[in-house]
Protein backbone atom coordinates (compact mmCIF):
# COMPACT_ATOMS: atom_id res chain seq x y z
CA MET A 1 0.00 0.00 0.00
CA THR A 2 1.16 3.54 -0.69
CA LYS A 3 2.34 5.94 1.98
CA GLU A 4 -0.43 8.49 1.32
CA VAL A 5 -3.81 7.03 2.30
CA MET A 6 -7.40 7.82 3.10
CA VAL A 7 -8.44 6.72 6.59
CA THR A 8 -12.12 6.05 7.27
CA ILE A 9 -13.11 5.54 10.89
CA ALA A 10 -16.68 4.51 11.61
CA GLY A 11 -18.12 3.80 15.01
CA LEU A 12 -21.47 2.47 16.16
CA GLN A 13 -22.55 3.02 19.76
CA MET A 14 -25.58 1.30 21.26
CA ALA A 15 -26.68 2.67 24.63
CA ASP A 16 -29.15 -0.19 25.00
CA GLU A 17 -30.54 -3.00 22.85
CA SER A 18 -33.11 -0.89 20.98
CA ASP A 19 -32.33 0.39 17.50
CA ALA A 20 -33.52 3.86 18.52
CA ASP A 21 -30.45 4.42 20.71
CA GLN A 22 -27.85 3.57 18.04
CA GLU A 23 -25.48 6.31 16.96
CA LEU A 24 -23.25 5.95 13.88
CA LEU A 25 -20.30 8.30 13.47
CA GLU A 26 -17.95 8.32 10.48
CA MET A 27 -14.87 10.42 9.73
CA VAL A 28 -12.55 10.42 6.73
CA HIS A 29 -9.00 11.81 6.88
CA VAL A 30 -5.94 12.01 4.65
CA GLY A 31 -3.13 10.20 6.39
CA GLU A 32 0.15 8.35 6.18
CA TYR A 33 0.64 4.60 6.30
CA TYR A 34 3.59 2.32 6.78
CA LYS A 35 4.25 -1.23 7.94
CA LYS A 36 7.22 -2.19 10.10
CA ASN A 37 7.99 -5.58 11.67
CA GLY A 38 4.47 -6.86 11.00
CA THR A 39 2.74 -3.85 12.58
CA HIS A 40 0.66 -1.39 10.55
CA TYR A 41 0.99 2.31 11.45
CA ILE A 42 -1.57 4.92 10.39
CA LEU A 43 -1.02 8.60 11.20
CA PHE A 44 -3.29 11.57 10.60
CA ASP A 45 -4.22 14.95 12.05
CA GLU A 46 -7.77 15.64 13.15
CA VAL A 47 -9.10 19.19 13.21
CA MET A 48 -11.65 19.52 15.98
CA GLU A 49 -14.17 22.31 16.26
CA GLY A 50 -13.18 25.01 18.74
CA MET A 51 -9.54 23.88 19.02
CA ALA A 52 -6.67 25.96 17.69
CA GLU A 53 -4.34 23.04 17.07
CA PRO A 54 -5.06 19.65 15.49
CA VAL A 55 -5.12 16.35 17.37
CA ARG A 56 -2.44 13.93 16.16
CA ASN A 57 -3.76 10.37 15.78
CA ILE A 58 -1.52 7.33 15.69
CA ILE A 59 -3.14 3.96 15.05
CA LYS A 60 -1.20 0.71 15.41
CA VAL A 61 -2.66 -2.54 14.09
CA LYS A 62 -1.34 -6.02 14.84
CA ASP A 63 -2.88 -9.47 14.21
CA ARG A 64 -5.52 -9.35 16.96
CA GLY A 65 -5.09 -5.87 18.35
CA LEU A 66 -5.71 -2.20 17.72
CA GLU A 67 -4.20 0.81 19.50
CA ILE A 68 -5.41 4.36 19.11
CA ARG A 69 -3.32 7.18 20.51
CA LYS A 70 -4.32 10.84 20.39
CA ARG A 71 -1.92 13.68 21.19
CA GLY A 72 -2.51 17.41 21.44
CA PRO A 73 -5.49 19.22 23.00
CA VAL A 74 -7.18 15.79 23.26
CA ALA A 75 -5.04 12.94 24.56
CA VAL A 76 -5.72 9.25 25.14
CA HIS A 77 -4.11 5.86 24.56
CA MET A 78 -6.77 3.20 24.00
CA VAL A 79 -5.89 -0.47 23.47
CA PHE A 80 -8.29 -3.01 22.00
CA GLU A 81 -7.10 -6.60 22.40
CA GLU A 82 -9.50 -9.49 21.99
CA GLY A 83 -10.60 -10.87 25.35
CA SER A 84 -9.07 -8.10 27.47
CA SER A 85 -10.10 -4.96 29.33
CA ARG A 86 -7.97 -1.83 29.36
CA GLN A 87 -8.29 1.44 31.24
CA SER A 88 -6.97 4.82 30.18
CA ILE A 89 -7.43 8.49 30.92
CA TYR A 90 -9.15 10.57 28.24
CA GLN A 91 -7.97 14.18 28.48
CA VAL A 92 -9.84 17.06 26.89
CA PRO A 93 -9.26 20.81 27.35
CA TYR A 94 -11.96 20.93 30.07
CA GLY A 95 -10.69 18.04 32.20
CA SER A 96 -10.24 14.29 32.07
CA PHE A 97 -12.15 11.09 32.70
CA GLN A 98 -11.40 7.39 32.92
CA VAL A 99 -12.45 5.09 30.08
CA GLU A 100 -12.39 1.31 30.07
CA THR A 101 -12.70 -0.83 26.97
CA SER A 102 -13.60 -4.52 27.29
CA THR A 103 -12.90 -5.93 23.84
CA SER A 104 -14.79 -9.01 22.69
CA SER A 105 -13.36 -9.28 19.18
CA VAL A 106 -10.81 -7.77 16.82
CA ARG A 107 -10.62 -8.74 13.16
CA VAL A 108 -7.87 -7.55 10.81
CA GLU A 109 -8.08 -8.05 7.06
CA GLU A 110 -5.44 -6.92 4.59
CA ASN A 111 -6.01 -7.23 0.84
CA ASP A 112 -5.41 -5.41 -2.46
CA GLU A 113 -8.02 -2.77 -1.62
CA GLY A 114 -6.48 -1.84 1.72
CA LEU A 115 -6.51 -2.63 5.42
CA GLU A 116 -9.69 -3.10 7.44
CA VAL A 117 -9.92 -3.49 11.21
CA LEU A 118 -13.15 -4.27 13.06
CA ALA A 119 -13.35 -4.25 16.86
CA ALA A 120 -16.33 -4.86 19.16
CA TYR A 121 -16.13 -3.64 22.76
CA ARG A 122 -18.03 -2.46 25.82
CA LEU A 123 -17.28 1.08 26.92
CA ALA A 124 -17.34 2.27 30.53
CA VAL A 125 -16.76 5.89 31.55
CA ASN A 126 -15.67 6.62 35.13
CA GLY A 127 -16.61 3.05 36.08
CA GLU A 128 -20.14 3.12 34.62
CA HIS A 129 -21.15 1.09 31.54
CA CYS A 130 -21.87 3.59 28.79
CA ALA A 131 -22.38 1.67 25.55
CA ASP A 132 -21.66 -1.40 23.46
CA CYS A 133 -19.56 -0.25 20.52
CA ASP A 134 -18.16 -1.33 17.18
CA ILE A 135 -15.32 0.50 15.47
CA ARG A 136 -14.17 0.08 11.88
CA VAL A 137 -10.89 1.47 10.58
CA PHE A 138 -10.45 1.25 6.82
CA VAL A 139 -7.26 2.41 5.13
CA GLN A 140 -6.89 2.60 1.36
CA PRO A 141 -4.46 4.24 -1.05
CA ARG A 142 -5.51 7.82 -1.66
CA GLU A 143 -5.72 7.33 -5.43
CA GLN A 144 -8.29 4.52 -4.92
CA PHE A 145 -10.50 6.50 -2.53
CA ARG A 146 -14.14 6.78 -3.39
CA LEU A 147 -17.20 7.64 -1.34
CA ASP A 148 -19.60 4.69 -0.99
C-alpha cells in the first residue's frame, strides 16, 4: 500500500438494545501509512471544532489488536485486544475522565483494496457502563479512494 492514504473511521454506539439508541459516526482523513515488523501504522491529524491546534492520531494494528493514541489538546491511549479490558485516561481541554474498553473481538483483514480493522467492545466511563460499541478502521491508497 502507498504511503499516502485515506483513513475512514466509523463507530457504532448502542446505549441499549433498541435500535432507537444507536449512533453511527464516520470520519474520513488524509493520512500516512507504513508497515514495520508486521505492525501497521496509520497517522493523521484531526481538526476539531473550537480547538486551535489539530489532534495527532496514531493507530497501530497487529494481528488481533488495535491501538489508538491521540496527542494534542485531546489525549488518550486506547488499546483493543481481543478478550481483554484496558483502562486509560481521556484528556480534553476541560478536564479528564477514565475510560475502560472490554474488547470481545478484533478482526484484521489486509487485501489489495487496503486494510480493514473491526473491533467490538463495551465502553465504561468513570466506572459506569456507557455503551456497546463497534469500530471500523479502513485504510486505502488515496488514489483509490471513493465515497460509498
